[in-house]
Amino acid sequence: MRAAQLRARSARFPGCCVLNFFYPDSNMSQQKSSFGQSDIVRLSDEDAAVELLERAVTGLWEVVNDLTRFRRTTRQNYRVTIFGSARIKPGTTAYDGVKQLAAELTRMGCDIISGGGPGLMQAANEGAHSVEKATHRSVGIRVELPFEQDVNPFVGQMYEHGTFFSRLRHFMIASDAFVVVPGGIGTLLELSLAWQLLQVRKLYNTPLIVVGKMWAELVEWGRRSMLHKGNELASEIDFSIPHCVNTIDQCVALIRENRAAWLAAQATK
């Protein structure tokens, strides 16, 4: 009745706008069952919840990726990461060779980064640690594992990760050169990631040096298997990315050359 009277009054006075506060249309009268925020996603709606979670995680990684782009304007020490086996014991030829290599690089002015564990990682840190007043330049980036491994006693600066993913990311953004010495599946993973990032130019001017027969054979296997004419799986230039060497002196010479160019670039910033 009241609504009819209001409509009649509106008809008699065409310039008058009657606001229908109290008598909404039937579709507006259907009250929502939820209160507060209008765009909530209930956990009972699994598809919507998963979509929201995936979008949020992707957004977080974008933030992380942006933050990792920050760099100091200038930096004092060139950083060499040495990847290698956790299983090689002190006193072996490989252990002593890596220890000697790390010591020579530290005397040159490099920081040495390893996985912070035993084996050839320890050899790298021990070599850096052996140089007087260079303890802080012996760095370990380790991952928590249920079956291994304690931080080796020659690490002067330690970083710890809960996942291999974040640890690998840390290696990639922290390093000015990579040296790959004998190792197993974990070392192969580290080598492959560095190689791939250099291939797609996400890393520039970062030497990837592989030491020893096993890695030279891996590179040659890749060349034979991936470069069949008419069915190429890679480019010839991809196999020029790893520098295959057999001696410590060859490795040191490559790093010395790249470090000189790096220092010159630092001076112009």
Protein backbone atom coordinates (compact mmCIF):
# COMPACT_ATOMS: atom_id res chain seq x y z
CA MET A 1 0.00 0.00 0.00
CA ARG A 2 2.72 2.45 1.00
CA ALA A 3 4.68 1.65 -2.17
CA ALA A 4 1.60 2.39 -4.35
CA GLN A 5 1.16 5.78 -2.68
CA LEU A 6 4.79 6.68 -3.36
CA ARG A 7 4.49 5.75 -7.03
CA ALA A 8 1.31 7.85 -7.35
CA ARG A 9 3.02 10.85 -5.77
CA SER A 10 5.94 10.47 -8.16
CA ALA A 11 3.51 10.52 -11.09
CA ARG A 12 1.86 13.77 -9.90
CA PHE A 13 5.26 15.50 -9.43
CA PRO A 14 7.48 14.43 -12.36
CA GLY A 15 10.49 16.39 -11.07
CA CYS A 16 10.45 14.60 -7.78
CA CYS A 17 12.69 11.57 -7.34
CA VAL A 18 11.39 9.14 -4.77
CA LEU A 19 14.20 7.11 -3.21
CA ASN A 20 13.04 3.61 -2.54
CA PHE A 21 15.04 2.97 0.64
CA PHE A 22 12.47 0.86 2.40
CA TYR A 23 11.03 -1.14 -0.45
CA PRO A 24 13.90 -2.67 -2.44
CA ASP A 25 13.28 -4.79 -5.49
CA SER A 26 12.88 -8.46 -4.84
CA ASN A 27 16.37 -9.36 -6.20
CA MET A 28 18.02 -6.87 -3.79
CA SER A 29 16.11 -8.24 -0.88
CA GLN A 30 17.94 -11.52 -1.04
CA GLN A 31 20.44 -11.13 1.77
CA LYS A 32 23.95 -12.56 1.39
CA SER A 33 24.77 -15.26 3.87
CA SER A 34 28.29 -13.93 4.56
CA PHE A 35 29.29 -10.82 6.45
CA GLY A 36 32.21 -8.44 6.08
CA GLN A 37 34.67 -8.77 3.19
CA SER A 38 32.89 -9.54 -0.08
CA ASP A 39 35.62 -11.48 -1.89
CA ILE A 40 36.40 -14.19 0.64
CA VAL A 41 37.41 -17.67 -0.50
CA ARG A 42 36.21 -20.50 1.65
CA LEU A 43 38.46 -23.51 2.23
CA SER A 44 35.49 -25.70 1.36
CA ASP A 45 35.77 -24.39 -2.21
CA GLU A 46 38.94 -26.28 -2.99
CA ASP A 47 39.36 -25.12 -6.61
CA ALA A 48 39.09 -21.46 -5.64
CA ALA A 49 41.35 -21.97 -2.62
CA VAL A 50 44.06 -23.67 -4.70
CA GLU A 51 43.85 -20.95 -7.37
CA LEU A 52 44.26 -18.25 -4.71
CA LEU A 53 47.19 -20.08 -3.10
CA GLU A 54 49.00 -20.55 -6.41
CA ARG A 55 48.53 -16.89 -7.30
CA ALA A 56 49.80 -15.80 -3.87
CA VAL A 57 52.91 -18.04 -4.04
CA THR A 58 53.70 -16.79 -7.53
CA GLY A 59 53.39 -13.24 -6.26
CA LEU A 60 55.76 -13.98 -3.39
CA TRP A 61 58.36 -15.36 -5.80
CA GLU A 62 58.11 -12.20 -7.86
CA VAL A 63 58.93 -10.23 -4.71
CA VAL A 64 61.87 -12.55 -3.92
CA ASN A 65 63.18 -12.28 -7.48
CA ASP A 66 63.02 -8.50 -7.35
CA LEU A 67 64.85 -8.37 -4.02
CA THR A 68 67.68 -10.60 -5.29
CA ARG A 69 68.44 -8.03 -7.99
CA PHE A 70 69.98 -5.68 -5.41
CA ARG A 71 73.79 -5.48 -5.46
CA ARG A 72 76.39 -3.35 -3.76
CA THR A 73 77.67 -0.55 -5.98
CA THR A 74 81.20 -1.86 -5.50
CA ARG A 75 82.54 -4.99 -3.86
CA GLN A 76 86.00 -5.89 -2.64
CA ASN A 77 86.28 -9.63 -3.14
CA TYR A 78 85.66 -11.76 -6.21
CA ARG A 79 83.74 -14.90 -5.16
CA VAL A 80 84.47 -18.40 -6.45
CA THR A 81 82.10 -21.26 -5.70
CA ILE A 82 83.61 -24.73 -5.70
CA PHE A 83 81.15 -27.60 -6.21
CA GLY A 84 82.26 -31.14 -5.40
CA SER A 85 81.66 -34.44 -3.65
CA ALA A 86 80.83 -34.78 0.05
CA ARG A 87 82.37 -38.28 0.08
CA ILE A 88 86.04 -37.72 -0.74
CA LYS A 89 88.26 -38.14 2.33
CA PRO A 90 91.15 -35.95 3.50
CA GLY A 91 94.52 -37.17 2.35
CA THR A 92 93.36 -38.21 -1.12
CA THR A 93 94.71 -36.70 -4.31
CA ALA A 94 91.42 -34.97 -5.10
CA TYR A 95 91.09 -33.52 -1.57
CA ASP A 96 94.63 -32.15 -1.55
CA GLY A 97 94.22 -30.72 -5.06
CA VAL A 98 91.02 -28.82 -4.17
CA LYS A 99 92.61 -27.55 -0.96
CA GLN A 100 95.59 -26.24 -2.94
CA LEU A 101 93.32 -24.64 -5.55
CA ALA A 102 91.26 -22.82 -2.90
CA ALA A 103 94.38 -21.57 -1.14
CA GLU A 104 95.81 -20.16 -4.38
CA LEU A 105 92.54 -18.43 -5.24
CA THR A 106 92.30 -16.95 -1.74
CA ARG A 107 95.83 -15.59 -1.97
CA MET A 108 94.80 -14.03 -5.28
CA GLY A 109 92.06 -12.14 -3.40
CA CYS A 110 89.03 -14.38 -3.92
CA ASP A 111 86.38 -15.46 -1.44
CA ILE A 112 85.76 -19.22 -1.52
CA ILE A 113 82.20 -20.55 -1.32
CA SER A 114 81.30 -24.21 -0.85
CA GLY A 115 78.35 -26.26 0.32
CA GLY A 116 79.80 -26.11 3.82
CA GLY A 117 79.83 -29.88 4.33
CA PRO A 118 82.50 -32.60 4.31
CA GLY A 119 84.56 -34.02 1.45
CA LEU A 120 85.69 -31.65 -1.28
CA MET A 121 83.51 -28.91 0.19
CA GLN A 122 85.66 -29.11 3.32
CA ALA A 123 88.82 -29.16 1.18
CA ALA A 124 87.74 -25.87 -0.44
CA ASN A 125 87.05 -24.22 2.91
CA GLU A 126 90.24 -25.61 4.44
CA GLY A 127 92.29 -24.15 1.59
CA ALA A 128 90.73 -20.72 2.09
CA HIS A 129 91.06 -20.98 5.86
CA SER A 130 94.76 -21.78 5.57
CA VAL A 131 95.54 -18.32 4.22
CA GLU A 132 96.45 -15.93 7.00
CA LYS A 133 93.66 -13.58 8.12
CA ALA A 134 91.25 -14.98 5.52
CA THR A 135 88.87 -16.93 7.77
CA HIS A 136 85.93 -14.66 6.91
CA ARG A 137 86.53 -15.40 3.23
CA SER A 138 85.76 -19.10 3.69
CA VAL A 139 81.99 -19.32 3.13
CA GLY A 140 79.55 -22.21 3.42
CA ILE A 141 76.01 -22.40 2.03
CA ARG A 142 74.46 -25.56 3.42
CA VAL A 143 71.10 -27.29 3.39
CA GLU A 144 69.37 -29.14 6.22
CA LEU A 145 69.35 -32.89 5.59
CA PRO A 146 68.15 -35.68 7.91
CA PHE A 147 71.22 -37.88 7.29
CA GLU A 148 74.02 -35.39 6.81
CA GLN A 149 75.90 -33.20 7.44
CA ASP A 150 77.66 -31.09 10.01
CA VAL A 151 79.23 -27.81 9.02
CA ASN A 152 82.91 -28.42 8.39
CA PRO A 153 85.28 -26.71 10.86
CA PHE A 154 86.90 -24.47 8.25
CA VAL A 155 83.82 -22.38 7.43
CA GLY A 156 84.20 -18.80 8.61
CA GLN A 157 80.84 -17.48 7.40
CA MET A 158 77.79 -19.72 7.24
CA TYR A 159 74.39 -19.54 5.51
CA GLU A 160 71.75 -22.22 6.02
CA HIS A 161 68.76 -23.20 3.89
CA GLY A 162 65.80 -25.47 4.45
CA THR A 163 65.49 -26.44 0.76
CA PHE A 164 67.81 -27.27 -2.12
CA PHE A 165 65.84 -24.82 -4.25
CA SER A 166 66.71 -21.73 -2.20
CA ARG A 167 70.26 -22.95 -1.62
CA LEU A 168 70.88 -23.34 -5.35
CA ARG A 169 69.45 -19.89 -5.93
CA HIS A 170 71.87 -18.50 -3.33
CA PHE A 171 74.86 -20.11 -5.07
CA MET A 172 73.83 -18.62 -8.40
CA ILE A 173 73.42 -15.05 -7.19
CA ALA A 174 76.46 -15.07 -4.90
CA SER A 175 79.11 -16.33 -7.33
CA ASP A 176 81.44 -14.63 -9.79
CA ALA A 177 82.86 -17.96 -11.00
CA PHE A 178 82.04 -21.65 -10.64
CA VAL A 179 84.60 -24.43 -10.36
CA VAL A 180 83.27 -28.00 -10.57
CA VAL A 181 85.53 -30.72 -9.22
CA PRO A 182 84.74 -34.47 -9.00
CA GLY A 183 81.32 -35.14 -7.52
CA GLY A 184 78.09 -37.10 -7.75
CA ILE A 185 74.42 -36.37 -8.41
CA GLY A 186 74.33 -33.20 -6.27
CA THR A 187 77.38 -31.78 -8.03
CA LEU A 188 75.83 -32.66 -11.39
CA LEU A 189 72.69 -30.73 -10.41
CA GLU A 190 74.75 -27.66 -9.46
CA LEU A 191 76.76 -27.86 -12.68
CA SER A 192 73.61 -28.23 -14.77
CA LEU A 193 71.87 -25.22 -13.24
CA ALA A 194 74.87 -22.93 -13.72
CA TRP A 195 75.29 -24.17 -17.28
CA GLN A 196 71.62 -23.62 -18.12
CA LEU A 197 71.54 -20.09 -16.66
CA LEU A 198 74.61 -19.18 -18.71
CA GLN A 199 73.02 -20.74 -21.81
CA VAL A 200 69.87 -18.60 -21.54
CA ARG A 201 71.90 -15.52 -20.52
CA LYS A 202 70.50 -15.15 -17.04
CA LEU A 203 74.16 -15.08 -15.99
CA TYR A 204 76.86 -13.17 -17.84
CA ASN A 205 80.66 -13.22 -17.71
CA THR A 206 80.65 -15.93 -15.05
CA PRO A 207 83.19 -18.66 -15.83
CA LEU A 208 82.03 -22.26 -15.46
CA ILE A 209 85.19 -24.33 -15.10
CA VAL A 210 84.98 -28.13 -14.93
CA VAL A 211 88.04 -29.93 -13.65
CA GLY A 212 88.95 -33.47 -14.59
CA LYS A 213 88.22 -36.23 -17.05
CA MET A 214 84.72 -37.09 -15.80
CA TRP A 215 83.29 -33.66 -16.64
CA ALA A 216 85.09 -33.41 -19.98
CA GLU A 217 83.52 -36.75 -20.90
CA LEU A 218 80.09 -35.47 -19.84
CA VAL A 219 80.45 -32.43 -22.09
CA GLU A 220 81.60 -34.62 -24.97
CA TRP A 221 78.66 -37.00 -24.42
CA GLY A 222 76.29 -34.02 -24.60
CA ARG A 223 77.93 -32.84 -27.80
CA ARG A 224 77.60 -36.28 -29.42
CA SER A 225 74.02 -36.85 -28.24
CA MET A 226 72.48 -33.41 -28.73
CA LEU A 227 74.00 -32.19 -31.99
CA HIS A 228 72.78 -34.76 -34.50
CA LYS A 229 72.33 -32.91 -37.77
CA GLY A 230 68.67 -32.32 -38.51
CA ASN A 231 67.67 -33.30 -34.97
CA GLU A 232 69.60 -30.86 -32.83
CA LEU A 233 68.65 -30.64 -29.16
CA ALA A 234 71.12 -27.84 -28.38
CA SER A 235 73.45 -25.44 -30.16
CA GLU A 236 77.14 -25.92 -30.78
CA ILE A 237 77.87 -22.75 -28.82
CA ASP A 238 76.21 -24.24 -25.71
CA PHE A 239 79.12 -26.67 -25.40
CA SER A 240 81.65 -23.88 -25.36
CA ILE A 241 80.19 -22.58 -22.06
CA PRO A 242 82.00 -25.03 -19.74
CA HIS A 243 85.77 -24.60 -19.73
CA CYS A 244 87.20 -28.11 -19.46
CA VAL A 245 90.59 -28.17 -17.70
CA ASN A 246 92.84 -30.84 -16.25
CA THR A 247 95.10 -28.92 -13.89
CA ILE A 248 94.94 -26.43 -11.06
CA ASP A 249 97.16 -24.03 -12.98
CA GLN A 250 94.73 -23.94 -15.92
CA CYS A 251 91.84 -23.25 -13.56
CA VAL A 252 93.69 -20.48 -11.74
CA ALA A 253 94.70 -18.84 -15.04
CA LEU A 254 91.08 -18.66 -16.23
CA ILE A 255 89.90 -17.15 -12.95
CA ARG A 256 92.78 -14.67 -12.86
CA GLU A 257 91.82 -13.40 -16.32
CA ASN A 258 88.13 -13.05 -15.47
CA ARG A 259 88.86 -11.48 -12.09
CA ALA A 260 91.03 -8.80 -13.76
CA ALA A 261 88.10 -7.88 -16.03
CA TRP A 262 85.75 -7.91 -13.02
CA LEU A 263 88.05 -5.57 -11.06
CA ALA A 264 88.23 -3.19 -14.02
CA ALA A 265 84.42 -3.11 -14.17
CA GLN A 266 84.23 -2.42 -10.42
CA ALA A 267 86.50 0.59 -10.85
CA THR A 268 84.14 2.20 -13.38
CA LYS A 269 81.01 2.01 -11.15
